[in-house]
N, C-alpha and C. Protein backbone atom coordinates (compact mmCIF):
# COMPACT_ATOMS: atom_id res chain seq x y z
N GLN A 1 0.85 -1.18 0.00
CA GLN A 1 0.00 0.00 0.00
C GLN A 1 0.88 1.24 0.00
N VAL A 2 0.49 2.23 -0.77
CA VAL A 2 1.21 3.50 -0.85
C VAL A 2 0.22 4.62 -0.55
N GLN A 3 0.64 5.55 0.25
CA GLN A 3 -0.17 6.73 0.53
C GLN A 3 0.54 7.95 -0.09
N LEU A 4 -0.24 8.77 -0.77
CA LEU A 4 0.28 9.97 -1.41
C LEU A 4 -0.55 11.16 -0.94
N VAL A 5 0.13 12.21 -0.51
CA VAL A 5 -0.56 13.40 -0.03
C VAL A 5 0.02 14.62 -0.74
N GLU A 6 -0.83 15.29 -1.54
CA GLU A 6 -0.41 16.50 -2.25
C GLU A 6 -0.66 17.73 -1.39
N SER A 7 0.15 18.75 -1.65
CA SER A 7 -0.04 20.05 -1.01
C SER A 7 0.54 21.12 -1.92
N GLY A 8 0.21 22.37 -1.60
CA GLY A 8 0.80 23.49 -2.33
C GLY A 8 -0.09 24.16 -3.34
N GLY A 9 -1.29 23.63 -3.54
CA GLY A 9 -2.19 24.27 -4.48
C GLY A 9 -2.70 25.59 -3.94
N GLY A 10 -3.39 26.33 -4.79
CA GLY A 10 -3.92 27.61 -4.35
C GLY A 10 -4.43 28.44 -5.50
N PHE A 11 -4.59 29.73 -5.21
CA PHE A 11 -5.13 30.68 -6.17
C PHE A 11 -4.04 31.68 -6.52
N VAL A 12 -3.76 31.81 -7.83
CA VAL A 12 -2.73 32.76 -8.27
C VAL A 12 -3.23 33.49 -9.50
N GLN A 13 -2.59 34.60 -9.79
CA GLN A 13 -2.91 35.33 -11.00
C GLN A 13 -2.05 34.84 -12.16
N THR A 14 -2.48 35.15 -13.37
CA THR A 14 -1.72 34.79 -14.56
C THR A 14 -0.28 35.28 -14.42
N GLY A 15 0.65 34.39 -14.74
CA GLY A 15 2.06 34.71 -14.64
C GLY A 15 2.68 34.34 -13.31
N GLY A 16 1.86 33.95 -12.36
CA GLY A 16 2.36 33.59 -11.04
C GLY A 16 2.96 32.19 -11.00
N SER A 17 3.41 31.82 -9.81
CA SER A 17 4.07 30.53 -9.62
C SER A 17 3.51 29.81 -8.40
N LEU A 18 3.57 28.50 -8.45
CA LEU A 18 3.23 27.65 -7.32
C LEU A 18 4.16 26.45 -7.34
N ARG A 19 4.40 25.87 -6.18
CA ARG A 19 5.14 24.61 -6.11
C ARG A 19 4.29 23.59 -5.38
N LEU A 20 3.98 22.53 -6.09
CA LEU A 20 3.23 21.43 -5.50
C LEU A 20 4.19 20.40 -4.93
N SER A 21 3.77 19.79 -3.83
CA SER A 21 4.54 18.71 -3.22
C SER A 21 3.66 17.48 -3.09
N CYS A 22 4.29 16.34 -3.15
CA CYS A 22 3.57 15.07 -2.97
C CYS A 22 4.43 14.20 -2.07
N ALA A 23 3.96 13.98 -0.85
CA ALA A 23 4.67 13.15 0.10
C ALA A 23 4.17 11.72 0.03
N ALA A 24 5.10 10.78 -0.10
CA ALA A 24 4.74 9.37 -0.24
C ALA A 24 5.15 8.58 0.99
N SER A 25 4.39 7.56 1.28
CA SER A 25 4.73 6.65 2.37
C SER A 25 4.19 5.27 2.05
N GLY A 26 4.77 4.28 2.71
CA GLY A 26 4.25 2.93 2.57
C GLY A 26 5.14 1.97 1.79
N ARG A 27 6.00 2.50 0.92
CA ARG A 27 6.90 1.63 0.17
C ARG A 27 8.22 2.37 -0.05
N THR A 28 9.15 1.69 -0.70
CA THR A 28 10.44 2.31 -1.00
C THR A 28 10.24 3.29 -2.15
N PHE A 29 10.16 4.53 -1.82
CA PHE A 29 9.82 5.58 -2.77
C PHE A 29 10.74 5.60 -3.96
N SER A 30 12.02 5.40 -3.74
CA SER A 30 13.01 5.53 -4.80
C SER A 30 12.91 4.44 -5.85
N SER A 31 12.05 3.46 -5.65
CA SER A 31 11.95 2.35 -6.59
C SER A 31 10.94 2.59 -7.71
N TYR A 32 10.25 3.73 -7.69
CA TYR A 32 9.11 3.89 -8.60
C TYR A 32 9.11 5.22 -9.34
N ALA A 33 8.61 5.15 -10.57
CA ALA A 33 8.36 6.37 -11.32
C ALA A 33 7.16 7.10 -10.70
N MET A 34 7.23 8.42 -10.78
CA MET A 34 6.16 9.26 -10.22
C MET A 34 5.65 10.20 -11.30
N GLY A 35 4.38 10.51 -11.23
CA GLY A 35 3.81 11.42 -12.21
C GLY A 35 2.88 12.44 -11.58
N TRP A 36 2.76 13.57 -12.27
CA TRP A 36 1.74 14.58 -11.94
C TRP A 36 0.73 14.61 -13.08
N PHE A 37 -0.54 14.60 -12.72
CA PHE A 37 -1.64 14.71 -13.66
C PHE A 37 -2.52 15.86 -13.24
N ARG A 38 -3.41 16.26 -14.13
CA ARG A 38 -4.39 17.28 -13.76
C ARG A 38 -5.71 16.97 -14.44
N GLN A 39 -6.76 17.47 -13.82
CA GLN A 39 -8.10 17.28 -14.38
C GLN A 39 -8.90 18.56 -14.17
N ALA A 40 -9.30 19.15 -15.29
CA ALA A 40 -10.14 20.33 -15.26
C ALA A 40 -11.60 19.90 -15.34
N PRO A 41 -12.53 20.75 -14.89
CA PRO A 41 -13.96 20.39 -14.93
C PRO A 41 -14.40 20.01 -16.33
N GLY A 42 -15.07 18.86 -16.44
CA GLY A 42 -15.59 18.42 -17.72
C GLY A 42 -14.56 17.82 -18.66
N LYS A 43 -13.32 17.68 -18.19
CA LYS A 43 -12.27 17.13 -19.05
C LYS A 43 -11.68 15.86 -18.43
N GLU A 44 -11.01 15.09 -19.26
CA GLU A 44 -10.36 13.89 -18.78
C GLU A 44 -9.06 14.25 -18.04
N ARG A 45 -8.65 13.35 -17.17
CA ARG A 45 -7.39 13.53 -16.48
C ARG A 45 -6.25 13.39 -17.49
N GLU A 46 -5.29 14.30 -17.43
CA GLU A 46 -4.19 14.29 -18.39
C GLU A 46 -2.85 14.36 -17.69
N VAL A 47 -1.85 13.77 -18.32
CA VAL A 47 -0.52 13.80 -17.75
C VAL A 47 0.07 15.19 -17.88
N VAL A 48 0.79 15.60 -16.86
CA VAL A 48 1.49 16.89 -16.86
C VAL A 48 3.00 16.65 -16.93
N ALA A 49 3.51 15.82 -16.02
CA ALA A 49 4.95 15.56 -15.98
C ALA A 49 5.20 14.23 -15.29
N VAL A 50 6.31 13.60 -15.68
CA VAL A 50 6.68 12.31 -15.12
C VAL A 50 8.18 12.32 -14.83
N ILE A 51 8.57 11.61 -13.79
CA ILE A 51 10.00 11.49 -13.47
C ILE A 51 10.32 10.04 -13.14
N THR A 52 11.46 9.59 -13.66
CA THR A 52 11.86 8.20 -13.41
C THR A 52 12.30 8.03 -11.96
N ARG A 53 12.44 6.75 -11.58
CA ARG A 53 12.75 6.45 -10.18
C ARG A 53 14.06 7.09 -9.74
N ASN A 54 15.01 7.25 -10.65
CA ASN A 54 16.30 7.82 -10.27
C ASN A 54 16.36 9.32 -10.51
N GLY A 55 15.29 9.88 -11.03
CA GLY A 55 15.24 11.32 -11.23
C GLY A 55 16.00 11.84 -12.43
N ILE A 56 16.56 10.95 -13.24
CA ILE A 56 17.40 11.39 -14.35
C ILE A 56 16.58 11.77 -15.56
N THR A 57 15.54 11.02 -15.84
CA THR A 57 14.73 11.24 -17.03
C THR A 57 13.38 11.80 -16.65
N THR A 58 12.94 12.79 -17.43
CA THR A 58 11.64 13.39 -17.19
C THR A 58 10.86 13.48 -18.50
N TYR A 59 9.56 13.62 -18.35
CA TYR A 59 8.65 13.83 -19.50
C TYR A 59 7.71 14.98 -19.13
N TYR A 60 7.44 15.82 -20.12
CA TYR A 60 6.49 16.92 -19.91
C TYR A 60 5.48 16.95 -21.05
N ALA A 61 4.26 17.25 -20.70
CA ALA A 61 3.26 17.53 -21.74
C ALA A 61 3.67 18.80 -22.47
N ASP A 62 3.33 18.86 -23.75
CA ASP A 62 3.72 20.01 -24.55
C ASP A 62 3.20 21.32 -23.96
N SER A 63 2.04 21.26 -23.35
CA SER A 63 1.40 22.47 -22.85
C SER A 63 2.15 23.09 -21.67
N VAL A 64 3.04 22.33 -21.03
CA VAL A 64 3.72 22.86 -19.84
C VAL A 64 5.24 22.94 -20.02
N LYS A 65 5.75 22.46 -21.14
CA LYS A 65 7.19 22.48 -21.37
C LYS A 65 7.74 23.89 -21.26
N GLY A 66 8.85 24.02 -20.55
CA GLY A 66 9.47 25.32 -20.38
C GLY A 66 8.89 26.13 -19.23
N ARG A 67 7.77 25.68 -18.67
CA ARG A 67 7.14 26.41 -17.56
C ARG A 67 7.11 25.59 -16.27
N PHE A 68 6.96 24.28 -16.39
CA PHE A 68 6.87 23.41 -15.22
C PHE A 68 8.13 22.56 -15.11
N THR A 69 8.49 22.24 -13.87
CA THR A 69 9.63 21.36 -13.62
C THR A 69 9.27 20.35 -12.56
N ILE A 70 9.46 19.08 -12.88
CA ILE A 70 9.24 18.01 -11.92
C ILE A 70 10.58 17.60 -11.33
N SER A 71 10.58 17.32 -10.04
CA SER A 71 11.79 16.86 -9.37
C SER A 71 11.41 15.95 -8.22
N ARG A 72 12.37 15.27 -7.68
CA ARG A 72 12.09 14.38 -6.55
C ARG A 72 13.26 14.40 -5.58
N ASP A 73 12.93 14.17 -4.32
CA ASP A 73 13.93 14.03 -3.27
C ASP A 73 13.65 12.69 -2.62
N ASN A 74 14.40 11.68 -3.02
CA ASN A 74 14.12 10.34 -2.52
C ASN A 74 14.40 10.21 -1.03
N ALA A 75 15.29 11.03 -0.51
CA ALA A 75 15.57 10.99 0.93
C ALA A 75 14.36 11.47 1.73
N LYS A 76 13.55 12.34 1.12
CA LYS A 76 12.36 12.88 1.80
C LYS A 76 11.08 12.21 1.30
N ASN A 77 11.21 11.24 0.39
CA ASN A 77 10.02 10.57 -0.16
C ASN A 77 9.03 11.57 -0.73
N THR A 78 9.53 12.55 -1.44
CA THR A 78 8.69 13.64 -1.93
C THR A 78 9.00 13.94 -3.39
N VAL A 79 7.95 14.19 -4.16
CA VAL A 79 8.10 14.65 -5.54
C VAL A 79 7.46 16.04 -5.62
N TYR A 80 8.07 16.89 -6.44
CA TYR A 80 7.65 18.29 -6.54
C TYR A 80 7.24 18.61 -7.97
N LEU A 81 6.41 19.64 -8.09
CA LEU A 81 6.10 20.21 -9.40
C LEU A 81 6.17 21.73 -9.25
N GLN A 82 7.24 22.30 -9.77
CA GLN A 82 7.37 23.75 -9.79
C GLN A 82 6.66 24.28 -11.02
N MET A 83 5.71 25.17 -10.80
CA MET A 83 4.89 25.69 -11.90
C MET A 83 5.11 27.20 -12.00
N ASN A 84 5.68 27.63 -13.10
CA ASN A 84 5.93 29.05 -13.34
C ASN A 84 5.11 29.54 -14.52
N ASP A 85 4.97 30.85 -14.60
CA ASP A 85 4.23 31.47 -15.70
C ASP A 85 2.86 30.80 -15.89
N LEU A 86 2.14 30.69 -14.81
CA LEU A 86 0.86 29.99 -14.85
C LEU A 86 -0.16 30.75 -15.69
N LYS A 87 -1.02 29.98 -16.36
CA LYS A 87 -2.04 30.53 -17.24
C LYS A 87 -3.41 30.03 -16.79
N PRO A 88 -4.48 30.72 -17.17
CA PRO A 88 -5.82 30.24 -16.79
C PRO A 88 -6.08 28.80 -17.23
N GLY A 89 -5.50 28.38 -18.34
CA GLY A 89 -5.67 27.01 -18.82
C GLY A 89 -5.02 25.97 -17.93
N ASP A 90 -4.21 26.40 -16.98
CA ASP A 90 -3.61 25.47 -16.03
C ASP A 90 -4.53 25.17 -14.85
N THR A 91 -5.65 25.87 -14.77
CA THR A 91 -6.59 25.65 -13.68
C THR A 91 -7.12 24.22 -13.72
N ALA A 92 -6.97 23.52 -12.61
CA ALA A 92 -7.37 22.11 -12.53
C ALA A 92 -7.09 21.59 -11.13
N VAL A 93 -7.58 20.39 -10.88
CA VAL A 93 -7.13 19.64 -9.71
C VAL A 93 -5.90 18.84 -10.14
N TYR A 94 -4.83 18.97 -9.38
CA TYR A 94 -3.58 18.30 -9.69
C TYR A 94 -3.40 17.08 -8.78
N TYR A 95 -3.04 15.97 -9.40
CA TYR A 95 -2.86 14.71 -8.68
C TYR A 95 -1.45 14.18 -8.89
N CYS A 96 -0.87 13.61 -7.85
CA CYS A 96 0.35 12.84 -8.05
C CYS A 96 -0.01 11.35 -8.02
N ALA A 97 0.85 10.57 -8.65
CA ALA A 97 0.58 9.14 -8.75
C ALA A 97 1.90 8.38 -8.82
N VAL A 98 1.84 7.11 -8.46
CA VAL A 98 3.02 6.26 -8.47
C VAL A 98 2.76 5.03 -9.33
N ALA A 99 3.77 4.68 -10.12
CA ALA A 99 3.71 3.49 -10.96
C ALA A 99 4.64 2.43 -10.36
N LEU A 100 4.10 1.31 -9.96
CA LEU A 100 4.89 0.31 -9.24
C LEU A 100 5.71 -0.60 -10.16
N SER A 101 5.40 -0.64 -11.43
CA SER A 101 6.15 -1.50 -12.34
C SER A 101 6.91 -0.64 -13.34
N GLY A 102 7.84 -1.27 -14.05
CA GLY A 102 8.57 -0.56 -15.08
C GLY A 102 10.06 -0.56 -14.84
N SER A 103 10.80 -0.21 -15.88
CA SER A 103 12.25 -0.21 -15.84
C SER A 103 12.77 1.08 -15.22
N LEU A 104 14.09 1.14 -15.14
CA LEU A 104 14.74 2.29 -14.51
C LEU A 104 14.37 3.60 -15.21
N TYR A 105 14.21 3.56 -16.53
CA TYR A 105 13.95 4.78 -17.30
C TYR A 105 12.50 4.86 -17.77
N TYR A 106 11.64 4.22 -17.05
CA TYR A 106 10.21 4.16 -17.36
C TYR A 106 9.56 5.51 -17.07
N THR A 107 8.87 6.06 -18.08
CA THR A 107 8.15 7.32 -17.91
C THR A 107 6.71 7.12 -18.36
N PRO A 108 5.91 6.48 -17.55
CA PRO A 108 4.53 6.22 -17.93
C PRO A 108 3.73 7.50 -18.07
N GLN A 109 2.88 7.52 -19.10
CA GLN A 109 2.11 8.72 -19.39
C GLN A 109 0.60 8.50 -19.40
N ALA A 110 0.15 7.27 -19.27
CA ALA A 110 -1.28 6.98 -19.26
C ALA A 110 -1.74 6.73 -17.82
N THR A 111 -2.97 7.13 -17.54
CA THR A 111 -3.47 6.97 -16.17
C THR A 111 -3.50 5.51 -15.74
N ASN A 112 -3.76 4.60 -16.67
CA ASN A 112 -3.87 3.19 -16.28
C ASN A 112 -2.52 2.53 -16.05
N GLU A 113 -1.44 3.27 -16.21
CA GLU A 113 -0.11 2.75 -15.89
C GLU A 113 0.25 3.02 -14.43
N TYR A 114 -0.58 3.76 -13.73
CA TYR A 114 -0.30 4.14 -12.35
C TYR A 114 -1.15 3.33 -11.39
N ASP A 115 -0.60 3.08 -10.23
CA ASP A 115 -1.24 2.18 -9.28
C ASP A 115 -1.87 2.88 -8.08
N TYR A 116 -1.31 3.98 -7.67
CA TYR A 116 -1.84 4.71 -6.52
C TYR A 116 -1.88 6.20 -6.85
N TRP A 117 -2.89 6.86 -6.27
CA TRP A 117 -3.12 8.28 -6.53
C TRP A 117 -3.31 9.03 -5.22
N GLY A 118 -2.92 10.30 -5.24
CA GLY A 118 -3.24 11.16 -4.13
C GLY A 118 -4.66 11.69 -4.25
N GLN A 119 -5.04 12.52 -3.29
CA GLN A 119 -6.42 13.02 -3.25
C GLN A 119 -6.61 14.26 -4.11
N GLY A 120 -5.50 14.86 -4.55
CA GLY A 120 -5.58 16.02 -5.42
C GLY A 120 -5.49 17.33 -4.66
N THR A 121 -4.98 18.34 -5.36
CA THR A 121 -4.92 19.70 -4.81
C THR A 121 -5.34 20.67 -5.90
N GLN A 122 -6.17 21.62 -5.54
CA GLN A 122 -6.75 22.55 -6.52
C GLN A 122 -5.77 23.67 -6.84
N VAL A 123 -5.62 23.93 -8.14
CA VAL A 123 -4.85 25.08 -8.62
C VAL A 123 -5.80 25.93 -9.46
N THR A 124 -5.92 27.20 -9.09
CA THR A 124 -6.79 28.11 -9.82
C THR A 124 -5.96 29.32 -10.25
N VAL A 125 -5.98 29.60 -11.55
CA VAL A 125 -5.23 30.72 -12.11
C VAL A 125 -6.22 31.71 -12.69
N SER A 126 -6.19 32.92 -12.18
CA SER A 126 -7.12 33.94 -12.65
C SER A 126 -6.50 34.77 -13.77
N SER A 127 -7.35 35.26 -14.63
CA SER A 127 -6.86 36.07 -15.76
C SER A 127 -6.78 37.54 -15.40
């Protein structure tokens, strides 16, 4: 069993920044790829960023490239999402997730590749 708890969401104006955190417990955190997803009202959940278990390889959705950065601190069992230059289109509930299977450089991008999810944190960007 893995528990994931997100924090750091909030309300910001266009161009602002937020840093989301996801604290994991229950398993060896460093053994798994981690991902951030988001879901806006009326839309499907979509991948935002993914990081491999060793933190070397990352994946970003085109919509956030150059603005968002995913990182992890395995000593703290925490994955982060630094979000800069936020836009109204970034408004959504953000979820972190863990994928229990896969190779060292595995960067899963589909929701069904993940095994555990956090409860989500709301990010609202005003225009």
